C-alpha atoms as a PDB file:
ATOM      1  CA  MET A   1      93.795 125.570 114.997  1.00  0.00           C
ATOM      2  CA  GLY A   2      96.655 125.056 112.366  1.00  0.00           C
ATOM      3  CA  LEU A   3      96.651 126.332 108.756  1.00  0.00           C
ATOM      4  CA  ASP A   4      95.103 124.111 106.174  1.00  0.00           C
ATOM      5  CA  LEU A   5      97.670 124.070 103.365  1.00  0.00           C
ATOM      6  CA  THR A   6      96.050 122.090 100.826  1.00  0.00           C
ATOM      7  CA  ARG A   7      95.762 122.246  97.038  1.00  0.00           C
ATOM      8  CA  ARG A   8      92.229 122.758  97.558  1.00  0.00           C
ATOM      9  CA  ARG A   9      92.508 125.265 100.512  1.00  0.00           C
ATOM     10  CA  LEU A  10      94.896 127.119  98.501  1.00  0.00           C
ATOM     11  CA  LEU A  11      92.405 127.496  95.497  1.00  0.00           C
ATOM     12  CA  GLN A  12      89.381 128.405  97.981  1.00  0.00           C
ATOM     13  CA  SER A  13      91.777 131.070  99.939  1.00  0.00           C
ATOM     14  CA  GLY A  14      93.457 132.517  96.783  1.00  0.00           C
ATOM     15  CA  ALA A  15      91.617 135.487  96.453  1.00  0.00           C
ATOM     16  CA  ALA A  16      91.515 136.121 100.261  1.00  0.00           C
ATOM     17  CA  LEU A  17      95.364 135.181 100.511  1.00  0.00           C
ATOM     18  CA  SER A  18      96.027 137.578  97.305  1.00  0.00           C
ATOM     19  CA  ALA A  19      93.943 140.629  98.281  1.00  0.00           C
ATOM     20  CA  VAL A  20      95.660 143.159 100.086  1.00  0.00           C
ATOM     21  CA  GLY A  21      95.005 146.523 101.485  1.00  0.00           C
ATOM     22  CA  VAL A  22      97.472 149.121 100.437  1.00  0.00           C
ATOM     23  CA  ALA A  23      98.783 151.773 102.879  1.00  0.00           C
ATOM     24  CA  GLY A  24      97.213 150.671 105.744  1.00  0.00           C
ATOM     25  CA  CYS A  25      93.541 151.169 104.071  1.00  0.00           C
ATOM     26  CA  PHE A  26      90.944 148.648 105.705  1.00  0.00           C
ATOM     27  CA  GLY A  27      87.389 148.811 106.086  1.00  0.00           C
ATOM     28  CA  ASP A  28      85.627 152.568 105.850  1.00  0.00           C
ATOM     29  CA  ASP A  29      88.562 154.521 107.108  1.00  0.00           C
ATOM     30  CA  ILE A  30      89.884 155.719 103.904  1.00  0.00           C
ATOM     31  CA  THR A  31      91.160 159.388 103.355  1.00  0.00           C
ATOM     32  CA  GLU A  32      91.503 161.370 100.281  1.00  0.00           C
ATOM     33  CA  GLY A  33      94.913 159.949  98.936  1.00  0.00           C
ATOM     34  CA  GLU A  34      94.905 156.436  99.967  1.00  0.00           C
ATOM     35  CA  VAL A  35      95.152 153.621  97.812  1.00  0.00           C
ATOM     36  CA  ARG A  36      93.236 150.311  97.963  1.00  0.00           C
ATOM     37  CA  ALA A  37      94.081 147.676  95.723  1.00  0.00           C
ATOM     38  CA  GLU A  38      94.190 143.679  95.626  1.00  0.00           C
ATOM     39  CA  VAL A  39      94.815 140.955  92.850  1.00  0.00           C
ATOM     40  CA  VAL A  40      91.830 139.511  92.241  1.00  0.00           C
ATOM     41  CA  THR A  41      93.132 136.606  90.462  1.00  0.00           C
ATOM     42  CA  VAL A  42      96.530 134.846  89.244  1.00  0.00           C
ATOM     43  CA  ASN A  43      96.698 132.157  86.484  1.00  0.00           C
ATOM     44  CA  PRO A  44      97.897 129.847  87.057  1.00  0.00           C
ATOM     45  CA  THR A  45      97.321 129.249  90.606  1.00  0.00           C
ATOM     46  CA  GLU A  46      98.237 125.365  90.807  1.00  0.00           C
ATOM     47  CA  LEU A  47     101.349 123.964  89.166  1.00  0.00           C
ATOM     48  CA  ASP A  48     100.669 120.256  88.618  1.00  0.00           C
ATOM     49  CA  GLU A  49     104.247 119.061  88.515  1.00  0.00           C
ATOM     50  CA  PRO A  50     107.779 120.280  89.203  1.00  0.00           C
ATOM     51  CA  VAL A  51     108.475 123.040  87.085  1.00  0.00           C
ATOM     52  CA  GLU A  52     111.805 123.662  84.951  1.00  0.00           C
ATOM     53  CA  GLY A  53     112.386 127.492  83.711  1.00  0.00           C
ATOM     54  CA  THR A  54     109.926 130.299  83.615  1.00  0.00           C
ATOM     55  CA  VAL A  55     106.221 130.413  83.897  1.00  0.00           C
ATOM     56  CA  ASP A  56     104.237 133.314  82.196  1.00  0.00           C
ATOM     57  CA  VAL A  57     101.465 134.322  84.968  1.00  0.00           C
ATOM     58  CA  THR A  58      98.613 136.869  84.123  1.00  0.00           C
ATOM     59  CA  ALA A  59      97.056 138.497  87.564  1.00  0.00           C
ATOM     60  CA  LEU A  60      93.812 140.230  87.466  1.00  0.00           C
ATOM     61  CA  VAL A  61      94.369 143.621  89.567  1.00  0.00           C
ATOM     62  CA  ALA A  62      91.774 146.166  90.806  1.00  0.00           C
ATOM     63  CA  ASN A  63      92.444 149.352  91.963  1.00  0.00           C
ATOM     64  CA  HIS A  64      89.760 150.555  93.947  1.00  0.00           C
ATOM     65  CA  GLN A  65      90.778 153.944  94.708  1.00  0.00           C
ATOM     66  CA  GLN A  66      92.728 156.762  93.551  1.00  0.00           C
ATOM     67  CA  PRO A  67      94.945 156.580  90.630  1.00  0.00           C
ATOM     68  CA  ALA A  68      97.994 154.925  91.666  1.00  0.00           C
ATOM     69  CA  ASP A  69     101.335 153.280  90.685  1.00  0.00           C
ATOM     70  CA  LEU A  70     101.126 149.954  92.035  1.00  0.00           C
ATOM     71  CA  LYS A  71     103.791 146.984  92.845  1.00  0.00           C
ATOM     72  CA  VAL A  72     102.331 143.572  91.897  1.00  0.00           C
ATOM     73  CA  ILE A  73     104.314 141.266  93.483  1.00  0.00           C
ATOM     74  CA  ILE A  74     103.789 137.168  92.730  1.00  0.00           C
ATOM     75  CA  GLU A  75     105.227 134.770  94.759  1.00  0.00           C
ATOM     76  CA  ALA A  76     105.839 130.993  94.340  1.00  0.00           C
ATOM     77  CA  VAL A  77     104.761 128.593  97.293  1.00  0.00           C
ATOM     78  CA  ASP A  78     105.878 125.298  98.293  1.00  0.00           C
ATOM     79  CA  LEU A  79     102.740 124.190 100.074  1.00  0.00           C
ATOM     80  CA  ASP A  80     104.756 121.266 102.019  1.00  0.00           C
ATOM     81  CA  LYS A  81     106.998 123.536 103.732  1.00  0.00           C
ATOM     82  CA  LYS A  82     106.299 125.835 106.280  1.00  0.00           C
ATOM     83  CA  THR A  83     108.246 128.992 107.574  1.00  0.00           C
ATOM     84  CA  ASP A  84     108.710 129.592 111.680  1.00  0.00           C
ATOM     85  CA  GLU A  85     105.673 131.666 111.372  1.00  0.00           C
ATOM     86  CA  GLY A  86     103.376 128.682 109.693  1.00  0.00           C
ATOM     87  CA  ARG A  87     103.157 130.494 106.339  1.00  0.00           C
ATOM     88  CA  GLN A  88     103.874 128.631 103.230  1.00  0.00           C
ATOM     89  CA  ALA A  89     107.505 128.786 102.115  1.00  0.00           C
ATOM     90  CA  ILE A  90     108.305 130.949  99.067  1.00  0.00           C
ATOM     91  CA  THR A  91     110.492 129.411  96.475  1.00  0.00           C
ATOM     92  CA  ALA A  92     110.972 132.471  94.194  1.00  0.00           C
ATOM     93  CA  MET A  93     109.292 136.005  93.953  1.00  0.00           C
ATOM     94  CA  THR A  94     108.891 138.409  91.085  1.00  0.00           C
ATOM     95  CA  SER A  95     107.400 142.258  90.766  1.00  0.00           C
ATOM     96  CA  LEU A  96     106.652 144.535  88.411  1.00  0.00           C
ATOM     97  CA  VAL A  97     105.210 148.429  88.700  1.00  0.00           C
ATOM     98  CA  ALA A  98     102.196 149.336  86.655  1.00  0.00           C
ATOM     99  CA  GLN A  99     100.094 152.846  86.542  1.00  0.00           C
ATOM    100  CA  PHE A 100      96.557 152.312  87.437  1.00  0.00           C
ATOM    101  CA  ASP A 101      93.499 154.675  86.731  1.00  0.00           C
ATOM    102  CA  GLN A 102      90.833 154.864  89.539  1.00  0.00           C
ATOM    103  CA  GLU A 103      88.564 152.237  89.885  1.00  0.00           C
ATOM    104  CA  GLU A 104      90.656 150.761  87.189  1.00  0.00           C
ATOM    105  CA  GLN A 105      90.482 146.659  86.877  1.00  0.00           C
ATOM    106  CA  ARG A 106      93.082 145.010  84.517  1.00  0.00           C
ATOM    107  CA  GLU A 107      95.665 141.730  83.749  1.00  0.00           C
ATOM    108  CA  VAL A 108      99.175 142.202  84.130  1.00  0.00           C
ATOM    109  CA  THR A 109     101.362 139.845  82.874  1.00  0.00           C
ATOM    110  CA  THR A 110     105.375 138.591  83.901  1.00  0.00           C
ATOM    111  CA  GLU A 111     107.466 135.473  84.187  1.00  0.00           C
ATOM    112  CA  ILE A 112     108.654 134.025  87.509  1.00  0.00           C
ATOM    113  CA  GLU A 113     111.071 131.063  87.827  1.00  0.00           C
ATOM    114  CA  PRO A 114     108.815 129.066  90.661  1.00  0.00           C
ATOM    115  CA  GLY A 115     111.441 126.376  90.951  1.00  0.00           C
ATOM    116  CA  PRO A 116     110.966 122.660  91.017  1.00  0.00           C
ATOM    117  CA  THR A 117     109.351 122.792  94.638  1.00  0.00           C
ATOM    118  CA  ALA A 118     106.659 125.093  93.954  1.00  0.00           C
ATOM    119  CA  ASP A 119     102.935 123.694  94.516  1.00  0.00           C
ATOM    120  CA  GLY A 120     101.279 127.266  93.335  1.00  0.00           C
ATOM    121  CA  LEU A 121     101.264 131.054  92.902  1.00  0.00           C
ATOM    122  CA  LEU A 122      99.861 133.724  94.945  1.00  0.00           C
ATOM    123  CA  GLY A 123      99.462 137.434  94.428  1.00  0.00           C
ATOM    124  CA  ARG A 124      99.673 140.593  96.259  1.00  0.00           C
ATOM    125  CA  VAL A 125      99.630 144.386  95.754  1.00  0.00           C
ATOM    126  CA  GLU A 126     101.794 147.265  97.399  1.00  0.00           C
ATOM    127  CA  PRO A 127     101.996 150.976  96.975  1.00  0.00           C
ATOM    128  CA  ALA A 128     104.932 151.370  94.216  1.00  0.00           C
END
């Protein structure tokens, strides 16, 4: 089964694509000191026309476990291109590090220069 990389699919699966378990923590196998966090939403998700210059991006990040420094990564993707692994081609990437308290959810803002071929923006989180 191939990947459906339409804009509608991007919007429908945005949360699933951007939610990333950090430090190998999935399901109920969480031990003390491990971190679980996710990018809940990215705004804007879709880029309606070619972009020249930078775009302000706001990501809602949720830290579900212990206090942690989290690296929030925003990727601009070209839905019309695929990598050899079948994923969306990344046209640009930016990141920032922010400290989150236990069970904290808040917005962080950054800028990205997506390039003229980018169709959408995705977010993910990893340990800083």
